[in-house]
Amino acid sequence: MPEPATAVAAAVYVIGVLWGLLVIDARPVERAVLALLWPAGPAAFVVTLAILLVAAAIAFPLAGVPLLAAVAAAVWWVSM
């Protein structure tokens, strides 16, 4: 029996795939590619935020470094 969180994640993924296959206005190949790759969007968002935090630390060290340190501390605290 899968973990409840895994079952929910799998259900969300399957619903997203079905939504992408049935609703998106595109040719069949593009529908299939978008339906399978739609979870890459949130990952790209997280990567973009990380890049912006590093850029803020470089461009504005008085504000960026404490913000970067706070984010690193929060990530460390959550991962414990």
N, C-alpha and C. Protein backbone atom coordinates (compact mmCIF):
# COMPACT_ATOMS: atom_id res chain seq x y z
N MET A 1 0.85 -1.18 0.00
CA MET A 1 0.00 0.00 0.00
C MET A 1 0.89 1.24 0.00
N PRO A 2 0.70 2.13 -0.95
CA PRO A 2 1.55 3.34 -0.97
C PRO A 2 1.20 4.29 0.17
N GLU A 3 2.18 5.11 0.49
CA GLU A 3 1.96 6.14 1.51
C GLU A 3 0.84 7.08 1.06
N PRO A 4 0.10 7.68 1.99
CA PRO A 4 -0.99 8.59 1.59
C PRO A 4 -0.48 9.78 0.77
N ALA A 5 0.69 10.33 1.14
CA ALA A 5 1.21 11.47 0.39
C ALA A 5 1.59 11.06 -1.03
N THR A 6 2.12 9.85 -1.18
CA THR A 6 2.48 9.35 -2.51
C THR A 6 1.22 9.14 -3.34
N ALA A 7 0.19 8.61 -2.74
CA ALA A 7 -1.05 8.39 -3.46
C ALA A 7 -1.66 9.72 -3.91
N VAL A 8 -1.61 10.72 -3.05
CA VAL A 8 -2.14 12.04 -3.42
C VAL A 8 -1.31 12.64 -4.54
N ALA A 9 0.02 12.55 -4.44
CA ALA A 9 0.88 13.10 -5.49
C ALA A 9 0.63 12.39 -6.81
N ALA A 10 0.49 11.07 -6.78
CA ALA A 10 0.22 10.32 -8.00
C ALA A 10 -1.14 10.71 -8.58
N ALA A 11 -2.12 10.89 -7.73
CA ALA A 11 -3.45 11.29 -8.22
C ALA A 11 -3.41 12.67 -8.86
N VAL A 12 -2.69 13.60 -8.23
CA VAL A 12 -2.58 14.94 -8.80
C VAL A 12 -1.87 14.88 -10.15
N TYR A 13 -0.81 14.07 -10.25
CA TYR A 13 -0.09 13.94 -11.51
C TYR A 13 -0.99 13.35 -12.59
N VAL A 14 -1.73 12.29 -12.26
CA VAL A 14 -2.60 11.65 -13.25
C VAL A 14 -3.70 12.61 -13.69
N ILE A 15 -4.27 13.35 -12.75
CA ILE A 15 -5.30 14.34 -13.12
C ILE A 15 -4.71 15.40 -14.04
N GLY A 16 -3.48 15.85 -13.74
CA GLY A 16 -2.82 16.83 -14.61
C GLY A 16 -2.56 16.28 -15.99
N VAL A 17 -2.15 15.03 -16.08
CA VAL A 17 -1.91 14.41 -17.39
C VAL A 17 -3.22 14.32 -18.17
N LEU A 18 -4.27 13.85 -17.51
CA LEU A 18 -5.56 13.75 -18.20
C LEU A 18 -6.06 15.12 -18.64
N TRP A 19 -5.91 16.10 -17.77
CA TRP A 19 -6.32 17.47 -18.12
C TRP A 19 -5.54 17.95 -19.34
N GLY A 20 -4.24 17.71 -19.34
CA GLY A 20 -3.40 18.13 -20.46
C GLY A 20 -3.75 17.42 -21.75
N LEU A 21 -4.12 16.17 -21.66
CA LEU A 21 -4.46 15.43 -22.87
C LEU A 21 -5.83 15.81 -23.42
N LEU A 22 -6.75 16.15 -22.54
CA LEU A 22 -8.12 16.38 -22.99
C LEU A 22 -8.48 17.84 -23.24
N VAL A 23 -7.86 18.78 -22.53
CA VAL A 23 -8.33 20.16 -22.56
C VAL A 23 -7.43 21.10 -23.36
N ILE A 24 -6.12 20.85 -23.37
CA ILE A 24 -5.20 21.78 -24.02
C ILE A 24 -5.47 21.84 -25.52
N ASP A 25 -5.47 23.05 -26.05
CA ASP A 25 -5.72 23.28 -27.46
C ASP A 25 -4.40 23.22 -28.22
N ALA A 26 -4.01 22.01 -28.61
CA ALA A 26 -2.76 21.82 -29.34
C ALA A 26 -2.87 20.53 -30.15
N ARG A 27 -1.85 20.30 -30.97
CA ARG A 27 -1.81 19.05 -31.73
C ARG A 27 -1.51 17.90 -30.77
N PRO A 28 -1.79 16.68 -31.17
CA PRO A 28 -1.63 15.53 -30.25
C PRO A 28 -0.21 15.37 -29.68
N VAL A 29 0.82 15.60 -30.49
CA VAL A 29 2.18 15.44 -29.97
C VAL A 29 2.46 16.47 -28.88
N GLU A 30 2.09 17.72 -29.12
CA GLU A 30 2.30 18.76 -28.12
C GLU A 30 1.47 18.48 -26.87
N ARG A 31 0.26 17.97 -27.05
CA ARG A 31 -0.57 17.61 -25.89
C ARG A 31 0.12 16.58 -25.03
N ALA A 32 0.67 15.55 -25.66
CA ALA A 32 1.33 14.48 -24.90
C ALA A 32 2.56 15.01 -24.17
N VAL A 33 3.36 15.83 -24.84
CA VAL A 33 4.57 16.37 -24.21
C VAL A 33 4.21 17.27 -23.03
N LEU A 34 3.26 18.16 -23.23
CA LEU A 34 2.85 19.04 -22.13
C LEU A 34 2.22 18.27 -20.98
N ALA A 35 1.44 17.26 -21.31
CA ALA A 35 0.79 16.48 -20.26
C ALA A 35 1.82 15.73 -19.40
N LEU A 36 2.87 15.24 -20.02
CA LEU A 36 3.87 14.48 -19.26
C LEU A 36 4.85 15.39 -18.51
N LEU A 37 5.10 16.59 -19.03
CA LEU A 37 6.11 17.46 -18.43
C LEU A 37 5.55 18.57 -17.55
N TRP A 38 4.24 18.60 -17.30
CA TRP A 38 3.67 19.73 -16.56
C TRP A 38 4.24 19.90 -15.17
N PRO A 39 4.73 18.86 -14.46
CA PRO A 39 5.31 19.11 -13.13
C PRO A 39 6.62 19.90 -13.18
N ALA A 40 7.22 20.06 -14.34
CA ALA A 40 8.47 20.83 -14.44
C ALA A 40 8.24 22.31 -14.15
N GLY A 41 7.02 22.80 -14.26
CA GLY A 41 6.71 24.21 -14.01
C GLY A 41 7.02 24.64 -12.59
N PRO A 42 6.51 23.96 -11.57
CA PRO A 42 6.86 24.34 -10.19
C PRO A 42 8.36 24.22 -9.90
N ALA A 43 9.01 23.22 -10.47
CA ALA A 43 10.45 23.08 -10.27
C ALA A 43 11.20 24.27 -10.87
N ALA A 44 10.77 24.70 -12.05
CA ALA A 44 11.39 25.87 -12.67
C ALA A 44 11.16 27.12 -11.83
N PHE A 45 10.01 27.23 -11.20
CA PHE A 45 9.71 28.36 -10.33
C PHE A 45 10.66 28.38 -9.14
N VAL A 46 10.90 27.22 -8.53
CA VAL A 46 11.81 27.14 -7.38
C VAL A 46 13.23 27.50 -7.80
N VAL A 47 13.67 27.01 -8.94
CA VAL A 47 15.02 27.33 -9.43
C VAL A 47 15.14 28.82 -9.70
N THR A 48 14.12 29.41 -10.30
CA THR A 48 14.14 30.85 -10.58
C THR A 48 14.23 31.66 -9.29
N LEU A 49 13.47 31.29 -8.28
CA LEU A 49 13.55 31.99 -7.00
C LEU A 49 14.93 31.87 -6.37
N ALA A 50 15.54 30.70 -6.47
CA ALA A 50 16.88 30.51 -5.92
C ALA A 50 17.89 31.41 -6.64
N ILE A 51 17.80 31.49 -7.94
CA ILE A 51 18.70 32.35 -8.72
C ILE A 51 18.49 33.81 -8.35
N LEU A 52 17.25 34.23 -8.17
CA LEU A 52 16.98 35.62 -7.79
C LEU A 52 17.50 35.94 -6.39
N LEU A 53 17.42 34.98 -5.47
CA LEU A 53 17.96 35.21 -4.13
C LEU A 53 19.48 35.39 -4.17
N VAL A 54 20.16 34.57 -4.95
CA VAL A 54 21.61 34.71 -5.08
C VAL A 54 21.96 36.03 -5.75
N ALA A 55 21.22 36.42 -6.78
CA ALA A 55 21.46 37.69 -7.44
C ALA A 55 21.22 38.86 -6.49
N ALA A 56 20.22 38.76 -5.62
CA ALA A 56 19.97 39.82 -4.65
C ALA A 56 21.11 39.93 -3.66
N ALA A 57 21.67 38.80 -3.27
CA ALA A 57 22.80 38.83 -2.34
C ALA A 57 24.02 39.49 -2.97
N ILE A 58 24.18 39.32 -4.26
CA ILE A 58 25.32 39.94 -4.96
C ILE A 58 25.06 41.42 -5.21
N ALA A 59 23.86 41.74 -5.68
CA ALA A 59 23.55 43.12 -6.06
C ALA A 59 23.34 44.02 -4.84
N PHE A 60 22.70 43.51 -3.82
CA PHE A 60 22.39 44.29 -2.63
C PHE A 60 22.85 43.52 -1.40
N PRO A 61 24.16 43.54 -1.10
CA PRO A 61 24.66 42.69 -0.03
C PRO A 61 24.08 43.00 1.36
N LEU A 62 23.74 44.25 1.64
CA LEU A 62 23.20 44.58 2.96
C LEU A 62 21.82 43.96 3.18
N ALA A 63 21.04 43.81 2.11
CA ALA A 63 19.72 43.21 2.24
C ALA A 63 19.73 41.75 1.78
N GLY A 64 20.53 41.46 0.77
CA GLY A 64 20.50 40.12 0.18
C GLY A 64 21.13 39.05 1.04
N VAL A 65 22.24 39.35 1.68
CA VAL A 65 22.92 38.34 2.50
C VAL A 65 22.06 37.91 3.69
N PRO A 66 21.47 38.83 4.45
CA PRO A 66 20.59 38.36 5.53
C PRO A 66 19.39 37.56 5.02
N LEU A 67 18.84 37.97 3.88
CA LEU A 67 17.71 37.23 3.31
C LEU A 67 18.15 35.84 2.90
N LEU A 68 19.30 35.74 2.26
CA LEU A 68 19.82 34.44 1.85
C LEU A 68 20.12 33.57 3.07
N ALA A 69 20.68 34.16 4.12
CA ALA A 69 20.95 33.42 5.35
C ALA A 69 19.65 32.95 6.00
N ALA A 70 18.62 33.78 5.98
CA ALA A 70 17.33 33.40 6.55
C ALA A 70 16.71 32.24 5.77
N VAL A 71 16.80 32.29 4.46
CA VAL A 71 16.26 31.20 3.64
C VAL A 71 17.04 29.92 3.90
N ALA A 72 18.37 30.02 3.95
CA ALA A 72 19.18 28.83 4.22
C ALA A 72 18.86 28.26 5.59
N ALA A 73 18.67 29.11 6.59
CA ALA A 73 18.32 28.63 7.92
C ALA A 73 16.94 27.97 7.92
N ALA A 74 16.00 28.54 7.19
CA ALA A 74 14.66 27.96 7.13
C ALA A 74 14.69 26.61 6.44
N VAL A 75 15.44 26.49 5.36
CA VAL A 75 15.56 25.21 4.68
C VAL A 75 16.21 24.17 5.58
N TRP A 76 17.27 24.59 6.28
CA TRP A 76 17.94 23.68 7.20
C TRP A 76 16.99 23.24 8.32
N TRP A 77 16.22 24.19 8.87
CA TRP A 77 15.32 23.89 9.96
C TRP A 77 14.21 22.94 9.52
N VAL A 78 13.68 23.17 8.32
CA VAL A 78 12.61 22.31 7.82
C VAL A 78 13.13 20.91 7.51
N SER A 79 14.36 20.81 7.06
CA SER A 79 14.90 19.50 6.70
C SER A 79 15.29 18.66 7.91
N MET A 80 15.29 19.25 9.10
CA MET A 80 15.67 18.48 10.29
C MET A 80 14.56 17.56 10.73
